[in-house]
Amino acid sequence: MKIVLVGKGGQVGHELLRPLAAIGDVAAFDRAGADLERPDELLALLRRERPDVIVNAAAYTAVDKAESEPDRARIVNEVAVGALAHAAADLGATPTRTFFQVTLPLALDSEMVPPPAP
């Protein structure tokens, strides 16, 4: 199984690399290889790699800068995620060829999202 991991340079991506490698052939990309600020380039990358599974562990995480850089945060956390999902569909997403978005609770507004049940 071919797996594309986007965000290998971040904490979550780094932690996912080893378990993903245990279940498939992983092509892992950091910002230099898959820049989410350039969502229009993601489809070409995925067409070249032809993955069975796409895992996005990348995100705009500079919470203190998000208010001063709202366009940048929106491109990375919304537009690029949509581009990855559309790319998965373009590649023929099925239950065995699919896209996963990894989000941590601390990336969400704690006043808007209730904590998970114990």
PDB file of N, CA and C in Angstrom:
ATOM      1  N   MET A   1       0.852  -1.171   0.000  1.00  0.00           N
ATOM      2  CA  MET A   1       0.000   0.000   0.000  1.00  0.00           C
ATOM      3  C   MET A   1       0.900   1.237   0.000  1.00  0.00           C
ATOM      4  N   LYS A   2       0.606   2.187  -0.872  1.00  0.00           N
ATOM      5  CA  LYS A   2       1.364   3.437  -0.963  1.00  0.00           C
ATOM      6  C   LYS A   2       0.650   4.503  -0.144  1.00  0.00           C
ATOM      7  N   ILE A   3       1.390   5.125   0.784  1.00  0.00           N
ATOM      8  CA  ILE A   3       0.839   6.147   1.670  1.00  0.00           C
ATOM      9  C   ILE A   3       1.607   7.441   1.455  1.00  0.00           C
ATOM     10  N   VAL A   4       0.898   8.543   1.260  1.00  0.00           N
ATOM     11  CA  VAL A   4       1.514   9.866   1.238  1.00  0.00           C
ATOM     12  C   VAL A   4       1.196  10.530   2.565  1.00  0.00           C
ATOM     13  N   LEU A   5       2.243  10.958   3.257  1.00  0.00           N
ATOM     14  CA  LEU A   5       2.116  11.692   4.516  1.00  0.00           C
ATOM     15  C   LEU A   5       2.556  13.126   4.262  1.00  0.00           C
ATOM     16  N   VAL A   6       1.649  14.061   4.469  1.00  0.00           N
ATOM     17  CA  VAL A   6       1.948  15.482   4.342  1.00  0.00           C
ATOM     18  C   VAL A   6       2.130  16.028   5.755  1.00  0.00           C
ATOM     19  N   GLY A   7       3.210  16.762   5.961  1.00  0.00           N
ATOM     20  CA  GLY A   7       3.465  17.330   7.277  1.00  0.00           C
ATOM     21  C   GLY A   7       4.466  16.546   8.103  1.00  0.00           C
ATOM     22  N   LYS A   8       5.394  15.847   7.454  1.00  0.00           N
ATOM     23  CA  LYS A   8       6.342  15.012   8.195  1.00  0.00           C
ATOM     24  C   LYS A   8       7.254  15.829   9.105  1.00  0.00           C
ATOM     25  N   GLY A   9       7.411  17.124   8.838  1.00  0.00           N
ATOM     26  CA  GLY A   9       8.297  17.955   9.643  1.00  0.00           C
ATOM     27  C   GLY A   9       7.688  18.423  10.955  1.00  0.00           C
ATOM     28  N   GLY A  10       6.406  18.232  11.125  1.00  0.00           N
ATOM     29  CA  GLY A  10       5.753  18.652  12.364  1.00  0.00           C
ATOM     30  C   GLY A  10       5.728  17.540  13.394  1.00  0.00           C
ATOM     31  N   GLN A  11       5.312  17.870  14.581  1.00  0.00           N
ATOM     32  CA  GLN A  11       5.279  16.909  15.679  1.00  0.00           C
ATOM     33  C   GLN A  11       4.364  15.723  15.378  1.00  0.00           C
ATOM     34  N   VAL A  12       3.167  15.982  14.876  1.00  0.00           N
ATOM     35  CA  VAL A  12       2.220  14.908  14.585  1.00  0.00           C
ATOM     36  C   VAL A  12       2.730  14.047  13.432  1.00  0.00           C
ATOM     37  N   GLY A  13       3.182  14.693  12.365  1.00  0.00           N
ATOM     38  CA  GLY A  13       3.705  13.954  11.224  1.00  0.00           C
ATOM     39  C   GLY A  13       4.896  13.093  11.594  1.00  0.00           C
ATOM     40  N   HIS A  14       5.775  13.634  12.405  1.00  0.00           N
ATOM     41  CA  HIS A  14       6.941  12.876  12.865  1.00  0.00           C
ATOM     42  C   HIS A  14       6.512  11.621  13.616  1.00  0.00           C
ATOM     43  N   GLU A  15       5.509  11.759  14.469  1.00  0.00           N
ATOM     44  CA  GLU A  15       5.029  10.617  15.250  1.00  0.00           C
ATOM     45  C   GLU A  15       4.277   9.598  14.393  1.00  0.00           C
ATOM     46  N   LEU A  16       3.667  10.029  13.314  1.00  0.00           N
ATOM     47  CA  LEU A  16       2.923   9.116  12.447  1.00  0.00           C
ATOM     48  C   LEU A  16       3.816   8.333  11.486  1.00  0.00           C
ATOM     49  N   LEU A  17       4.992   8.838  11.217  1.00  0.00           N
ATOM     50  CA  LEU A  17       5.848   8.237  10.200  1.00  0.00           C
ATOM     51  C   LEU A  17       6.151   6.761  10.460  1.00  0.00           C
ATOM     52  N   ARG A  18       6.552   6.423  11.659  1.00  0.00           N
ATOM     53  CA  ARG A  18       6.911   5.030  11.956  1.00  0.00           C
ATOM     54  C   ARG A  18       5.715   4.083  11.896  1.00  0.00           C
ATOM     55  N   PRO A  19       4.587   4.388  12.544  1.00  0.00           N
ATOM     56  CA  PRO A  19       3.461   3.448  12.432  1.00  0.00           C
ATOM     57  C   PRO A  19       2.922   3.321  11.010  1.00  0.00           C
ATOM     58  N   LEU A  20       2.957   4.399  10.242  1.00  0.00           N
ATOM     59  CA  LEU A  20       2.511   4.296   8.850  1.00  0.00           C
ATOM     60  C   LEU A  20       3.463   3.420   8.038  1.00  0.00           C
ATOM     61  N   ALA A  21       4.765   3.546   8.298  1.00  0.00           N
ATOM     62  CA  ALA A  21       5.754   2.729   7.586  1.00  0.00           C
ATOM     63  C   ALA A  21       5.577   1.244   7.886  1.00  0.00           C
ATOM     64  N   ALA A  22       4.988   0.936   9.029  1.00  0.00           N
ATOM     65  CA  ALA A  22       4.761  -0.464   9.391  1.00  0.00           C
ATOM     66  C   ALA A  22       3.626  -1.087   8.562  1.00  0.00           C
ATOM     67  N   ILE A  23       2.790  -0.243   7.954  1.00  0.00           N
ATOM     68  CA  ILE A  23       1.660  -0.791   7.194  1.00  0.00           C
ATOM     69  C   ILE A  23       1.744  -0.522   5.694  1.00  0.00           C
ATOM     70  N   GLY A  24       2.745   0.244   5.274  1.00  0.00           N
ATOM     71  CA  GLY A  24       2.843   0.516   3.841  1.00  0.00           C
ATOM     72  C   GLY A  24       4.100   1.254   3.460  1.00  0.00           C
ATOM     73  N   ASP A  25       4.221   1.527   2.182  1.00  0.00           N
ATOM     74  CA  ASP A  25       5.336   2.272   1.616  1.00  0.00           C
ATOM     75  C   ASP A  25       4.989   3.753   1.726  1.00  0.00           C
ATOM     76  N   VAL A  26       5.730   4.501   2.559  1.00  0.00           N
ATOM     77  CA  VAL A  26       5.392   5.890   2.854  1.00  0.00           C
ATOM     78  C   VAL A  26       6.271   6.855   2.066  1.00  0.00           C
ATOM     79  N   ALA A  27       5.623   7.772   1.381  1.00  0.00           N
ATOM     80  CA  ALA A  27       6.301   8.925   0.790  1.00  0.00           C
ATOM     81  C   ALA A  27       5.917  10.095   1.682  1.00  0.00           C
ATOM     82  N   ALA A  28       6.863  10.576   2.478  1.00  0.00           N
ATOM     83  CA  ALA A  28       6.573  11.614   3.468  1.00  0.00           C
ATOM     84  C   ALA A  28       7.133  12.955   2.998  1.00  0.00           C
ATOM     85  N   PHE A  29       6.331  13.997   3.163  1.00  0.00           N
ATOM     86  CA  PHE A  29       6.700  15.317   2.679  1.00  0.00           C
ATOM     87  C   PHE A  29       6.621  16.350   3.789  1.00  0.00           C
ATOM     88  N   ASP A  30       7.636  17.205   3.840  1.00  0.00           N
ATOM     89  CA  ASP A  30       7.594  18.359   4.727  1.00  0.00           C
ATOM     90  C   ASP A  30       7.114  19.552   3.898  1.00  0.00           C
ATOM     91  N   ARG A  31       7.211  20.754   4.455  1.00  0.00           N
ATOM     92  CA  ARG A  31       6.716  21.941   3.763  1.00  0.00           C
ATOM     93  C   ARG A  31       7.422  22.155   2.416  1.00  0.00           C
ATOM     94  N   ALA A  32       8.706  21.830   2.344  1.00  0.00           N
ATOM     95  CA  ALA A  32       9.437  22.018   1.090  1.00  0.00           C
ATOM     96  C   ALA A  32       8.905  21.103  -0.014  1.00  0.00           C
ATOM     97  N   GLY A  33       8.423  19.929   0.348  1.00  0.00           N
ATOM     98  CA  GLY A  33       7.941  18.972  -0.641  1.00  0.00           C
ATOM     99  C   GLY A  33       6.465  19.064  -0.942  1.00  0.00           C
ATOM    100  N   ALA A  34       5.689  19.570   0.003  1.00  0.00           N
ATOM    101  CA  ALA A  34       4.232  19.707  -0.169  1.00  0.00           C
ATOM    102  C   ALA A  34       3.802  20.942   0.622  1.00  0.00           C
ATOM    103  N   ASP A  35       3.920  22.089  -0.005  1.00  0.00           N
ATOM    104  CA  ASP A  35       3.628  23.360   0.654  1.00  0.00           C
ATOM    105  C   ASP A  35       2.123  23.618   0.618  1.00  0.00           C
ATOM    106  N   LEU A  36       1.487  23.547   1.777  1.00  0.00           N
ATOM    107  CA  LEU A  36       0.038  23.752   1.839  1.00  0.00           C
ATOM    108  C   LEU A  36      -0.362  25.193   1.551  1.00  0.00           C
ATOM    109  N   GLU A  37       0.604  26.092   1.504  1.00  0.00           N
ATOM    110  CA  GLU A  37       0.297  27.462   1.105  1.00  0.00           C
ATOM    111  C   GLU A  37       0.191  27.569  -0.413  1.00  0.00           C
ATOM    112  N   ARG A  38       0.439  26.470  -1.103  1.00  0.00           N
ATOM    113  CA  ARG A  38       0.301  26.402  -2.559  1.00  0.00           C
ATOM    114  C   ARG A  38      -0.595  25.209  -2.906  1.00  0.00           C
ATOM    115  N   PRO A  39      -1.861  25.279  -2.516  1.00  0.00           N
ATOM    116  CA  PRO A  39      -2.752  24.130  -2.692  1.00  0.00           C
ATOM    117  C   PRO A  39      -2.909  23.687  -4.142  1.00  0.00           C
ATOM    118  N   ASP A  40      -2.705  24.602  -5.081  1.00  0.00           N
ATOM    119  CA  ASP A  40      -2.850  24.241  -6.495  1.00  0.00           C
ATOM    120  C   ASP A  40      -1.773  23.249  -6.944  1.00  0.00           C
ATOM    121  N   GLU A  41      -0.684  23.120  -6.200  1.00  0.00           N
ATOM    122  CA  GLU A  41       0.394  22.195  -6.554  1.00  0.00           C
ATOM    123  C   GLU A  41       0.191  20.795  -5.958  1.00  0.00           C
ATOM    124  N   LEU A  42      -0.753  20.652  -5.060  1.00  0.00           N
ATOM    125  CA  LEU A  42      -0.932  19.375  -4.369  1.00  0.00           C
ATOM    126  C   LEU A  42      -1.440  18.275  -5.289  1.00  0.00           C
ATOM    127  N   LEU A  43      -2.346  18.595  -6.193  1.00  0.00           N
ATOM    128  CA  LEU A  43      -2.879  17.576  -7.094  1.00  0.00           C
ATOM    129  C   LEU A  43      -1.768  16.980  -7.960  1.00  0.00           C
ATOM    130  N   ALA A  44      -0.867  17.815  -8.465  1.00  0.00           N
ATOM    131  CA  ALA A  44       0.241  17.314  -9.287  1.00  0.00           C
ATOM    132  C   ALA A  44       1.129  16.374  -8.476  1.00  0.00           C
ATOM    133  N   LEU A  45       1.401  16.727  -7.235  1.00  0.00           N
ATOM    134  CA  LEU A  45       2.204  15.867  -6.363  1.00  0.00           C
ATOM    135  C   LEU A  45       1.532  14.508  -6.175  1.00  0.00           C
ATOM    136  N   LEU A  46       0.245  14.534  -5.898  1.00  0.00           N
ATOM    137  CA  LEU A  46      -0.470  13.281  -5.636  1.00  0.00           C
ATOM    138  C   LEU A  46      -0.653  12.457  -6.907  1.00  0.00           C
ATOM    139  N   ARG A  47      -0.822  13.107  -8.023  1.00  0.00           N
ATOM    140  CA  ARG A  47      -0.890  12.356  -9.287  1.00  0.00           C
ATOM    141  C   ARG A  47       0.442  11.653  -9.561  1.00  0.00           C
ATOM    142  N   ARG A  48       1.529  12.322  -9.235  1.00  0.00           N
ATOM    143  CA  ARG A  48       2.853  11.728  -9.430  1.00  0.00           C
ATOM    144  C   ARG A  48       3.070  10.541  -8.488  1.00  0.00           C
ATOM    145  N   GLU A  49       2.643  10.667  -7.238  1.00  0.00           N
ATOM    146  CA  GLU A  49       2.874   9.627  -6.232  1.00  0.00           C
ATOM    147  C   GLU A  49       1.872   8.476  -6.330  1.00  0.00           C
ATOM    148  N   ARG A  50       0.655   8.753  -6.785  1.00  0.00           N
ATOM    149  CA  ARG A  50      -0.412   7.738  -6.906  1.00  0.00           C
ATOM    150  C   ARG A  50      -0.628   6.951  -5.612  1.00  0.00           C
ATOM    151  N   PRO A  51      -0.914   7.633  -4.504  1.00  0.00           N
ATOM    152  CA  PRO A  51      -1.075   6.917  -3.237  1.00  0.00           C
ATOM    153  C   PRO A  51      -2.415   6.203  -3.125  1.00  0.00           C
ATOM    154  N   ASP A  52      -2.418   5.175  -2.287  1.00  0.00           N
ATOM    155  CA  ASP A  52      -3.666   4.523  -1.898  1.00  0.00           C
ATOM    156  C   ASP A  52      -4.301   5.278  -0.742  1.00  0.00           C
ATOM    157  N   VAL A  53      -3.451   5.888   0.086  1.00  0.00           N
ATOM    158  CA  VAL A  53      -3.906   6.617   1.276  1.00  0.00           C
ATOM    159  C   VAL A  53      -3.153   7.939   1.353  1.00  0.00           C
ATOM    160  N   ILE A  54      -3.881   9.010   1.659  1.00  0.00           N
ATOM    161  CA  ILE A  54      -3.293  10.329   1.891  1.00  0.00           C
ATOM    162  C   ILE A  54      -3.557  10.690   3.339  1.00  0.00           C
ATOM    163  N   VAL A  55      -2.497  11.038   4.074  1.00  0.00           N
ATOM    164  CA  VAL A  55      -2.630  11.456   5.469  1.00  0.00           C
ATOM    165  C   VAL A  55      -2.075  12.875   5.576  1.00  0.00           C
ATOM    166  N   ASN A  56      -2.923  13.805   6.004  1.00  0.00           N
ATOM    167  CA  ASN A  56      -2.470  15.183   6.196  1.00  0.00           C
ATOM    168  C   ASN A  56      -2.308  15.464   7.678  1.00  0.00           C
ATOM    169  N   ALA A  57      -1.063  15.622   8.092  1.00  0.00           N
ATOM    170  CA  ALA A  57      -0.765  15.968   9.476  1.00  0.00           C
ATOM    171  C   ALA A  57      -0.257  17.405   9.568  1.00  0.00           C
ATOM    172  N   ALA A  58      -0.306  18.128   8.467  1.00  0.00           N
ATOM    173  CA  ALA A  58       0.188  19.507   8.436  1.00  0.00           C
ATOM    174  C   ALA A  58      -0.939  20.469   8.793  1.00  0.00           C
ATOM    175  N   ALA A  59      -0.558  21.590   9.374  1.00  0.00           N
ATOM    176  CA  ALA A  59      -1.538  22.614   9.716  1.00  0.00           C
ATOM    177  C   ALA A  59      -0.822  23.919  10.028  1.00  0.00           C
ATOM    178  N   TYR A  60      -1.565  24.994   9.918  1.00  0.00           N
ATOM    179  CA  TYR A  60      -1.077  26.293  10.386  1.00  0.00           C
ATOM    180  C   TYR A  60      -1.342  26.302  11.882  1.00  0.00           C
ATOM    181  N   THR A  61      -0.299  26.249  12.669  1.00  0.00           N
ATOM    182  CA  THR A  61      -0.458  26.085  14.119  1.00  0.00           C
ATOM    183  C   THR A  61      -0.003  27.292  14.939  1.00  0.00           C
ATOM    184  N   ALA A  62       0.375  28.368  14.286  1.00  0.00           N
ATOM    185  CA  ALA A  62       0.819  29.563  15.010  1.00  0.00           C
ATOM    186  C   ALA A  62      -0.409  30.329  15.489  1.00  0.00           C
ATOM    187  N   VAL A  63      -1.033  29.814  16.531  1.00  0.00           N
ATOM    188  CA  VAL A  63      -2.303  30.361  17.018  1.00  0.00           C
ATOM    189  C   VAL A  63      -2.194  31.848  17.310  1.00  0.00           C
ATOM    190  N   ASP A  64      -1.090  32.280  17.903  1.00  0.00           N
ATOM    191  CA  ASP A  64      -0.932  33.691  18.243  1.00  0.00           C
ATOM    192  C   ASP A  64      -0.782  34.583  17.007  1.00  0.00           C
ATOM    193  N   LYS A  65      -0.434  34.012  15.859  1.00  0.00           N
ATOM    194  CA  LYS A  65      -0.307  34.790  14.624  1.00  0.00           C
ATOM    195  C   LYS A  65      -1.548  34.692  13.732  1.00  0.00           C
ATOM    196  N   ALA A  66      -2.428  33.769  14.021  1.00  0.00           N
ATOM    197  CA  ALA A  66      -3.574  33.521  13.141  1.00  0.00           C
ATOM    198  C   ALA A  66      -4.456  34.759  12.962  1.00  0.00           C
ATOM    199  N   GLU A  67      -4.567  35.580  13.996  1.00  0.00           N
ATOM    200  CA  GLU A  67      -5.389  36.784  13.868  1.00  0.00           C
ATOM    201  C   GLU A  67      -4.739  37.808  12.959  1.00  0.00           C
ATOM    202  N   SER A  68      -3.407  37.860  12.944  1.00  0.00           N
ATOM    203  CA  SER A  68      -2.728  38.819  12.074  1.00  0.00           C
ATOM    204  C   SER A  68      -2.440  38.236  10.687  1.00  0.00           C
ATOM    205  N   GLU A  69      -2.577  36.921  10.525  1.00  0.00           N
ATOM    206  CA  GLU A  69      -2.363  36.260   9.243  1.00  0.00           C
ATOM    207  C   GLU A  69      -3.562  35.369   8.884  1.00  0.00           C
ATOM    208  N   PRO A  70      -4.771  35.926   8.914  1.00  0.00           N
ATOM    209  CA  PRO A  70      -5.947  35.076   8.707  1.00  0.00           C
ATOM    210  C   PRO A  70      -5.989  34.419   7.327  1.00  0.00           C
ATOM    211  N   ASP A  71      -5.513  35.108   6.298  1.00  0.00           N
ATOM    212  CA  ASP A  71      -5.537  34.513   4.955  1.00  0.00           C
ATOM    213  C   ASP A  71      -4.603  33.312   4.879  1.00  0.00           C
ATOM    214  N   ARG A  72      -3.437  33.447   5.459  1.00  0.00           N
ATOM    215  CA  ARG A  72      -2.474  32.340   5.463  1.00  0.00           C
ATOM    216  C   ARG A  72      -3.029  31.141   6.233  1.00  0.00           C
ATOM    217  N   ALA A  73      -3.602  31.396   7.393  1.00  0.00           N
ATOM    218  CA  ALA A  73      -4.183  30.319   8.203  1.00  0.00           C
ATOM    219  C   ALA A  73      -5.324  29.636   7.450  1.00  0.00           C
ATOM    220  N   ARG A  74      -6.160  30.412   6.778  1.00  0.00           N
ATOM    221  CA  ARG A  74      -7.285  29.844   6.034  1.00  0.00           C
ATOM    222  C   ARG A  74      -6.806  29.008   4.846  1.00  0.00           C
ATOM    223  N   ILE A  75      -5.795  29.480   4.149  1.00  0.00           N
ATOM    224  CA  ILE A  75      -5.279  28.710   3.007  1.00  0.00           C
ATOM    225  C   ILE A  75      -4.760  27.355   3.469  1.00  0.00           C
ATOM    226  N   VAL A  76      -3.968  27.349   4.536  1.00  0.00           N
ATOM    227  CA  VAL A  76      -3.360  26.095   5.000  1.00  0.00           C
ATOM    228  C   VAL A  76      -4.387  25.172   5.646  1.00  0.00           C
ATOM    229  N   ASN A  77      -5.237  25.702   6.498  1.00  0.00           N
ATOM    230  CA  ASN A  77      -6.145  24.860   7.283  1.00  0.00           C
ATOM    231  C   ASN A  77      -7.496  24.597   6.631  1.00  0.00           C
ATOM    232  N   GLU A  78      -7.809  25.318   5.574  1.00  0.00           N
ATOM    233  CA  GLU A  78      -9.104  25.111   4.918  1.00  0.00           C
ATOM    234  C   GLU A  78      -8.936  24.812   3.432  1.00  0.00           C
ATOM    235  N   VAL A  79      -8.358  25.746   2.700  1.00  0.00           N
ATOM    236  CA  VAL A  79      -8.257  25.596   1.246  1.00  0.00           C
ATOM    237  C   VAL A  79      -7.400  24.384   0.873  1.00  0.00           C
ATOM    238  N   ALA A  80      -6.236  24.244   1.494  1.00  0.00           N
ATOM    239  CA  ALA A  80      -5.346  23.120   1.163  1.00  0.00           C
ATOM    240  C   ALA A  80      -5.953  21.785   1.563  1.00  0.00           C
ATOM    241  N   VAL A  81      -6.649  21.744   2.686  1.00  0.00           N
ATOM    242  CA  VAL A  81      -7.299  20.498   3.111  1.00  0.00           C
ATOM    243  C   VAL A  81      -8.368  20.114   2.091  1.00  0.00           C
ATOM    244  N   GLY A  82      -9.127  21.099   1.634  1.00  0.00           N
ATOM    245  CA  GLY A  82     -10.103  20.836   0.579  1.00  0.00           C
ATOM    246  C   GLY A  82      -9.438  20.354  -0.700  1.00  0.00           C
ATOM    247  N   ALA A  83      -8.292  20.943  -1.032  1.00  0.00           N
ATOM    248  CA  ALA A  83      -7.557  20.524  -2.236  1.00  0.00           C
ATOM    249  C   ALA A  83      -7.090  19.080  -2.107  1.00  0.00           C
ATOM    250  N   LEU A  84      -6.638  18.685  -0.918  1.00  0.00           N
ATOM    251  CA  LEU A  84      -6.225  17.297  -0.700  1.00  0.00           C
ATOM    252  C   LEU A  84      -7.420  16.349  -0.831  1.00  0.00           C
ATOM    253  N   ALA A  85      -8.544  16.737  -0.274  1.00  0.00           N
ATOM    254  CA  ALA A  85      -9.744  15.898  -0.375  1.00  0.00           C
ATOM    255  C   ALA A  85     -10.202  15.778  -1.830  1.00  0.00           C
ATOM    256  N   HIS A  86     -10.174  16.886  -2.558  1.00  0.00           N
ATOM    257  CA  HIS A  86     -10.551  16.838  -3.978  1.00  0.00           C
ATOM    258  C   HIS A  86      -9.559  16.013  -4.783  1.00  0.00           C
ATOM    259  N   ALA A  87      -8.278  16.101  -4.430  1.00  0.00           N
ATOM    260  CA  ALA A  87      -7.263  15.287  -5.112  1.00  0.00           C
ATOM    261  C   ALA A  87      -7.515  13.809  -4.867  1.00  0.00           C
ATOM    262  N   ALA A  88      -7.880  13.459  -3.634  1.00  0.00           N
ATOM    263  CA  ALA A  88      -8.209  12.062  -3.328  1.00  0.00           C
ATOM    264  C   ALA A  88      -9.374  11.601  -4.191  1.00  0.00           C
ATOM    265  N   ALA A  89     -10.387  12.450  -4.336  1.00  0.00           N
ATOM    266  CA  ALA A  89     -11.533  12.099  -5.179  1.00  0.00           C
ATOM    267  C   ALA A  89     -11.101  11.972  -6.634  1.00  0.00           C
ATOM    268  N   ASP A  90     -10.247  12.876  -7.080  1.00  0.00           N
ATOM    269  CA  ASP A  90      -9.750  12.836  -8.453  1.00  0.00           C
ATOM    270  C   ASP A  90      -8.970  11.548  -8.727  1.00  0.00           C
ATOM    271  N   LEU A  91      -8.287  11.062  -7.711  1.00  0.00           N
ATOM    272  CA  LEU A  91      -7.516   9.829  -7.851  1.00  0.00           C
ATOM    273  C   LEU A  91      -8.381   8.588  -7.691  1.00  0.00           C
ATOM    274  N   GLY A  92      -9.664   8.791  -7.400  1.00  0.00           N
ATOM    275  CA  GLY A  92     -10.581   7.652  -7.269  1.00  0.00           C
ATOM    276  C   GLY A  92     -10.714   7.169  -5.843  1.00  0.00           C
ATOM    277  N   ALA A  93     -10.948   8.089  -4.913  1.00  0.00           N
ATOM    278  CA  ALA A  93     -11.086   7.719  -3.507  1.00  0.00           C
ATOM    279  C   ALA A  93     -12.167   6.661  -3.326  1.00  0.00           C
ATOM    280  N   THR A  94     -11.831   5.648  -2.569  1.00  0.00           N
ATOM    281  CA  THR A  94     -12.730   4.542  -2.241  1.00  0.00           C
ATOM    282  C   THR A  94     -12.457   4.190  -0.787  1.00  0.00           C
ATOM    283  N   PRO A  95     -13.163   3.219  -0.224  1.00  0.00           N
ATOM    284  CA  PRO A  95     -12.831   2.819   1.144  1.00  0.00           C
ATOM    285  C   PRO A  95     -11.385   2.338   1.305  1.00  0.00           C
ATOM    286  N   THR A  96     -10.758   1.898   0.225  1.00  0.00           N
ATOM    287  CA  THR A  96      -9.354   1.467   0.331  1.00  0.00           C
ATOM    288  C   THR A  96      -8.379   2.492  -0.245  1.00  0.00           C
ATOM    289  N   ARG A  97      -8.872   3.502  -0.898  1.00  0.00           N
ATOM    290  CA  ARG A  97      -8.033   4.621  -1.364  1.00  0.00           C
ATOM    291  C   ARG A  97      -8.693   5.860  -0.800  1.00  0.00           C
ATOM    292  N   THR A  98      -8.055   6.427   0.206  1.00  0.00           N
ATOM    293  CA  THR A  98      -8.779   7.450   0.939  1.00  0.00           C
ATOM    294  C   THR A  98      -7.867   8.540   1.477  1.00  0.00           C
ATOM    295  N   PHE A  99      -8.479   9.560   2.108  1.00  0.00           N
ATOM    296  CA  PHE A  99      -7.808  10.731   2.652  1.00  0.00           C
ATOM    297  C   PHE A  99      -8.139  10.853   4.132  1.00  0.00           C
ATOM    298  N   PHE A 100      -7.106  11.082   4.949  1.00  0.00           N
ATOM    299  CA  PHE A 100      -7.296  11.286   6.387  1.00  0.00           C
ATOM    300  C   PHE A 100      -6.747  12.648   6.770  1.00  0.00           C
ATOM    301  N   GLN A 101      -7.530  13.407   7.518  1.00  0.00           N
ATOM    302  CA  GLN A 101      -7.103  14.696   8.058  1.00  0.00           C
ATOM    303  C   GLN A 101      -6.890  14.507   9.554  1.00  0.00           C
ATOM    304  N   VAL A 102      -5.684  14.795  10.031  1.00  0.00           N
ATOM    305  CA  VAL A 102      -5.368  14.635  11.453  1.00  0.00           C
ATOM    306  C   VAL A 102      -5.427  16.008  12.106  1.00  0.00           C
ATOM    307  N   THR A 103      -6.261  16.153  13.124  1.00  0.00           N
ATOM    308  CA  THR A 103      -6.388  17.405  13.861  1.00  0.00           C
ATOM    309  C   THR A 103      -6.348  17.104  15.353  1.00  0.00           C
ATOM    310  N   LEU A 104      -5.580  17.885  16.066  1.00  0.00           N
ATOM    311  CA  LEU A 104      -5.490  17.711  17.518  1.00  0.00           C
ATOM    312  C   LEU A 104      -6.439  18.664  18.217  1.00  0.00           C
ATOM    313  N   PRO A 105      -7.022  18.259  19.344  1.00  0.00           N
ATOM    314  CA  PRO A 105      -7.957  19.132  20.060  1.00  0.00           C
ATOM    315  C   PRO A 105      -7.367  20.485  20.421  1.00  0.00           C
ATOM    316  N   LEU A 106      -6.058  20.568  20.681  1.00  0.00           N
ATOM    317  CA  LEU A 106      -5.498  21.847  21.078  1.00  0.00           C
ATOM    318  C   LEU A 106      -5.463  22.829  19.916  1.00  0.00           C
ATOM    319  N   ALA A 107      -5.689  22.356  18.705  1.00  0.00           N
ATOM    320  CA  ALA A 107      -5.754  23.253  17.552  1.00  0.00           C
ATOM    321  C   ALA A 107      -7.134  23.892  17.419  1.00  0.00           C
ATOM    322  N   LEU A 108      -8.086  23.442  18.206  1.00  0.00           N
ATOM    323  CA  LEU A 108      -9.443  23.957  18.139  1.00  0.00           C
ATOM    324  C   LEU A 108      -9.690  24.924  19.286  1.00  0.00           C
ATOM    325  N   ASP A 109     -10.668  25.780  19.134  1.00  0.00           N
ATOM    326  CA  ASP A 109     -11.039  26.736  20.167  1.00  0.00           C
ATOM    327  C   ASP A 109     -11.670  25.967  21.329  1.00  0.00           C
ATOM    328  N   SER A 110     -11.036  25.999  22.479  1.00  0.00           N
ATOM    329  CA  SER A 110     -11.508  25.225  23.624  1.00  0.00           C
ATOM    330  C   SER A 110     -12.867  25.693  24.131  1.00  0.00           C
ATOM    331  N   GLU A 111     -13.286  26.919  23.816  1.00  0.00           N
ATOM    332  CA  GLU A 111     -14.589  27.384  24.244  1.00  0.00           C
ATOM    333  C   GLU A 111     -15.702  26.902  23.320  1.00  0.00           C
ATOM    334  N   MET A 112     -15.344  26.513  22.105  1.00  0.00           N
ATOM    335  CA  MET A 112     -16.348  26.090  21.133  1.00  0.00           C
ATOM    336  C   MET A 112     -16.518  24.582  21.077  1.00  0.00           C
ATOM    337  N   VAL A 113     -15.493  23.859  21.430  1.00  0.00           N
ATOM    338  CA  VAL A 113     -15.525  22.413  21.291  1.00  0.00           C
ATOM    339  C   VAL A 113     -15.470  21.772  22.672  1.00  0.00           C
ATOM    340  N   PRO A 114     -16.461  20.959  23.015  1.00  0.00           N
ATOM    341  CA  PRO A 114     -16.408  20.309  24.331  1.00  0.00           C
ATOM    342  C   PRO A 114     -15.268  19.300  24.363  1.00  0.00           C
ATOM    343  N   PRO A 115     -14.680  19.094  25.535  1.00  0.00           N
ATOM    344  CA  PRO A 115     -13.604  18.098  25.632  1.00  0.00           C
ATOM    345  C   PRO A 115     -14.150  16.697  25.350  1.00  0.00           C
ATOM    346  N   PRO A 116     -13.286  15.801  24.860  1.00  0.00           N
ATOM    347  CA  PRO A 116     -13.741  14.436  24.595  1.00  0.00           C
ATOM    348  C   PRO A 116     -14.154  13.731  25.885  1.00  0.00           C
ATOM    349  N   ALA A 117     -15.093  12.823  25.735  1.00  0.00           N
ATOM    350  CA  ALA A 117     -15.518  12.044  26.902  1.00  0.00           C
ATOM    351  C   ALA A 117     -14.384  11.155  27.385  1.00  0.00           C
ATOM    352  N   PRO A 118     -14.286  10.943  28.697  1.00  0.00           N
ATOM    353  CA  PRO A 118     -13.189  10.106  29.218  1.00  0.00           C
ATOM    354  C   PRO A 118     -13.337   8.653  28.810  1.00  0.00           C
TER     355      PRO A 118
END
